[in-house]
Amino acid sequence: MPPRNLFDLFDATSLLNLERRIAEGRIPTADELAAVLEANSAEPLPAWFSELVVKSLRGELKKKRGRPKDDSPLSVIRFQLAKAKYYQYLDWLQKRELSVGLKGWAAVRNQSWWDGSPHERAARLVTSRWFRHMDWKSFLNRVSSS
């Protein structure tokens, strides 16, 4: 059955919208299921929706644990830029360590990001500027896994 109008595709209580969100991997909450059920109770409900409600009532409908992954294009671009900056800082710090050492000048010596080995310092620099919500260890884990 083709959508009747745009409202069917984007309304919070639309079966088509719910089906699209599930296909994207978003698991509905019990409140969302109740709202969809209430709004569509006058018409026959599809079998997939009934199965979804049964799973929810039995407690078998679970979301993935942890923070949801942010795959927005802006987030991906921002991470790639931060990763490139990390490698620039790392290269600079490694060269500096070989030539004059990492003691640093007085202005940066007492800064929190001017501590540790070159890869730690590079990660601290990047997270202090690009990812204030993330600690430097998490950033390095994400860099190594990508």
Protein backbone atom coordinates (compact mmCIF):
# COMPACT_ATOMS: atom_id res chain seq x y z
CA MET A 1 0.00 0.00 0.00
CA PRO A 2 1.64 3.31 -1.06
CA PRO A 3 1.68 6.16 1.44
CA ARG A 4 -1.41 8.33 1.36
CA ASN A 5 0.51 11.52 2.08
CA LEU A 6 3.69 12.85 3.70
CA PHE A 7 1.99 12.86 7.08
CA ASP A 8 1.85 9.03 6.94
CA LEU A 9 5.61 8.86 6.47
CA PHE A 10 6.59 11.19 9.31
CA ASP A 11 3.79 11.19 11.87
CA ALA A 12 4.89 9.71 15.20
CA THR A 13 1.82 7.43 15.29
CA SER A 14 2.00 6.23 11.68
CA LEU A 15 2.61 2.53 11.02
CA LEU A 16 4.68 3.41 7.94
CA ASN A 17 6.89 5.72 10.00
CA LEU A 18 7.30 3.06 12.70
CA GLU A 19 8.22 0.44 10.10
CA ARG A 20 10.78 2.82 8.54
CA ARG A 21 12.35 3.60 11.93
CA ILE A 22 12.62 -0.12 12.76
CA ALA A 23 14.29 -0.74 9.39
CA GLU A 24 16.83 1.95 10.33
CA GLY A 25 17.57 0.05 13.53
CA ARG A 26 15.69 2.26 16.00
CA ILE A 27 13.80 0.19 18.56
CA PRO A 28 10.54 1.82 19.71
CA THR A 29 9.79 2.36 23.38
CA ALA A 30 6.66 1.01 25.08
CA ASP A 31 5.13 4.51 25.07
CA GLU A 32 5.72 4.86 21.33
CA LEU A 33 4.13 1.46 20.68
CA ALA A 34 1.14 2.40 22.83
CA ALA A 35 0.67 5.67 20.91
CA VAL A 36 0.83 3.86 17.54
CA LEU A 37 -1.57 1.16 18.74
CA GLU A 38 -4.02 3.73 20.08
CA ALA A 39 -3.91 5.84 16.91
CA ASN A 40 -4.37 2.87 14.58
CA SER A 41 -6.84 0.75 16.59
CA ALA A 42 -9.73 1.45 14.20
CA GLU A 43 -8.08 -0.40 11.31
CA PRO A 44 -6.66 -3.93 11.02
CA LEU A 45 -3.09 -4.06 12.30
CA PRO A 46 -0.36 -5.78 10.28
CA ALA A 47 1.15 -9.03 11.61
CA TRP A 48 4.62 -7.49 12.06
CA PHE A 49 3.18 -4.85 14.40
CA SER A 50 1.35 -7.47 16.50
CA GLU A 51 4.59 -9.47 16.80
CA LEU A 52 6.42 -6.31 17.85
CA VAL A 53 3.86 -5.55 20.58
CA VAL A 54 4.04 -9.14 21.86
CA LYS A 55 7.83 -8.98 22.04
CA SER A 56 7.60 -5.68 23.90
CA LEU A 57 5.09 -7.06 26.41
CA ARG A 58 7.27 -10.11 27.05
CA GLY A 59 10.35 -7.95 27.56
CA GLU A 60 12.12 -9.42 24.53
CA LEU A 61 12.37 -6.11 22.70
CA LYS A 62 15.66 -4.64 23.86
CA LYS A 63 17.72 -1.73 22.66
CA LYS A 64 21.43 -2.13 22.13
CA ARG A 65 23.39 -1.22 25.22
CA GLY A 66 25.54 1.88 25.37
CA ARG A 67 25.44 5.23 23.69
CA PRO A 68 23.90 5.18 20.22
CA LYS A 69 26.39 5.67 17.42
CA ASP A 70 26.26 9.08 15.79
CA ASP A 71 26.53 8.48 12.05
CA SER A 72 25.49 11.95 10.96
CA PRO A 73 27.61 13.31 8.10
CA LEU A 74 28.71 16.28 10.20
CA SER A 75 29.92 14.00 12.99
CA VAL A 76 31.85 11.79 10.55
CA ILE A 77 33.52 14.81 8.93
CA ARG A 78 34.37 16.30 12.31
CA PHE A 79 35.98 13.04 13.44
CA GLN A 80 38.01 12.76 10.23
CA LEU A 81 39.29 16.33 10.66
CA ALA A 82 40.21 15.65 14.30
CA LYS A 83 41.97 12.43 13.27
CA ALA A 84 44.01 14.31 10.66
CA LYS A 85 44.93 16.94 13.26
CA TYR A 86 45.92 14.17 15.67
CA TYR A 87 48.42 12.77 13.15
CA GLN A 88 49.79 16.28 12.48
CA TYR A 89 50.28 16.91 16.20
CA LEU A 90 51.81 13.46 16.67
CA ASP A 91 54.32 14.01 13.87
CA TRP A 92 55.26 17.43 15.26
CA LEU A 93 55.62 16.13 18.83
CA GLN A 94 57.76 13.16 17.77
CA LYS A 95 60.10 15.47 15.83
CA ARG A 96 60.20 17.90 18.76
CA GLU A 97 61.01 15.06 21.19
CA LEU A 98 64.03 14.06 19.09
CA SER A 99 65.32 17.59 18.56
CA VAL A 100 64.73 19.61 21.76
CA GLY A 101 62.68 17.35 24.02
CA LEU A 102 59.16 17.64 25.34
CA LYS A 103 59.81 19.81 28.36
CA GLY A 104 58.00 22.68 26.67
CA TRP A 105 58.05 26.38 27.20
CA ALA A 106 56.65 28.07 30.28
CA ALA A 107 53.28 28.92 28.72
CA VAL A 108 52.34 25.26 28.10
CA ARG A 109 54.35 23.44 30.74
CA ASN A 110 51.55 23.50 33.33
CA GLN A 111 48.67 22.80 30.93
CA SER A 112 46.72 19.56 31.43
CA TRP A 113 47.15 18.53 27.78
CA TRP A 114 50.97 18.93 27.93
CA ASP A 115 51.58 15.69 29.77
CA GLY A 116 52.61 12.17 28.76
CA SER A 117 54.15 10.64 25.68
CA PRO A 118 53.78 12.22 22.21
CA HIS A 119 50.72 10.15 21.25
CA GLU A 120 48.99 11.01 24.55
CA ARG A 121 49.78 14.69 24.14
CA ALA A 122 48.51 14.71 20.55
CA ALA A 123 45.28 13.04 21.66
CA ARG A 124 44.89 15.47 24.56
CA LEU A 125 45.41 18.43 22.22
CA VAL A 126 42.77 17.15 19.79
CA THR A 127 40.19 16.34 22.45
CA SER A 128 40.70 19.69 24.17
CA ARG A 129 39.83 21.46 20.92
CA TRP A 130 37.52 19.12 18.96
CA PHE A 131 35.92 16.63 21.36
CA ARG A 132 35.46 18.17 24.79
CA HIS A 133 32.89 15.48 25.62
CA MET A 134 35.43 12.68 25.03
CA ASP A 135 38.55 11.82 26.98
CA TRP A 136 41.84 11.28 25.18
CA LYS A 137 41.86 7.50 25.75
CA SER A 138 38.45 7.10 24.12
CA PHE A 139 39.64 9.20 21.18
CA LEU A 140 42.73 6.97 20.73
CA ASN A 141 40.53 3.85 20.89
CA ARG A 142 38.25 5.27 18.21
CA VAL A 143 41.23 6.25 16.03
CA SER A 144 42.77 2.79 16.30
CA SER A 145 39.46 1.07 15.44
CA SER A 146 38.77 3.17 12.36
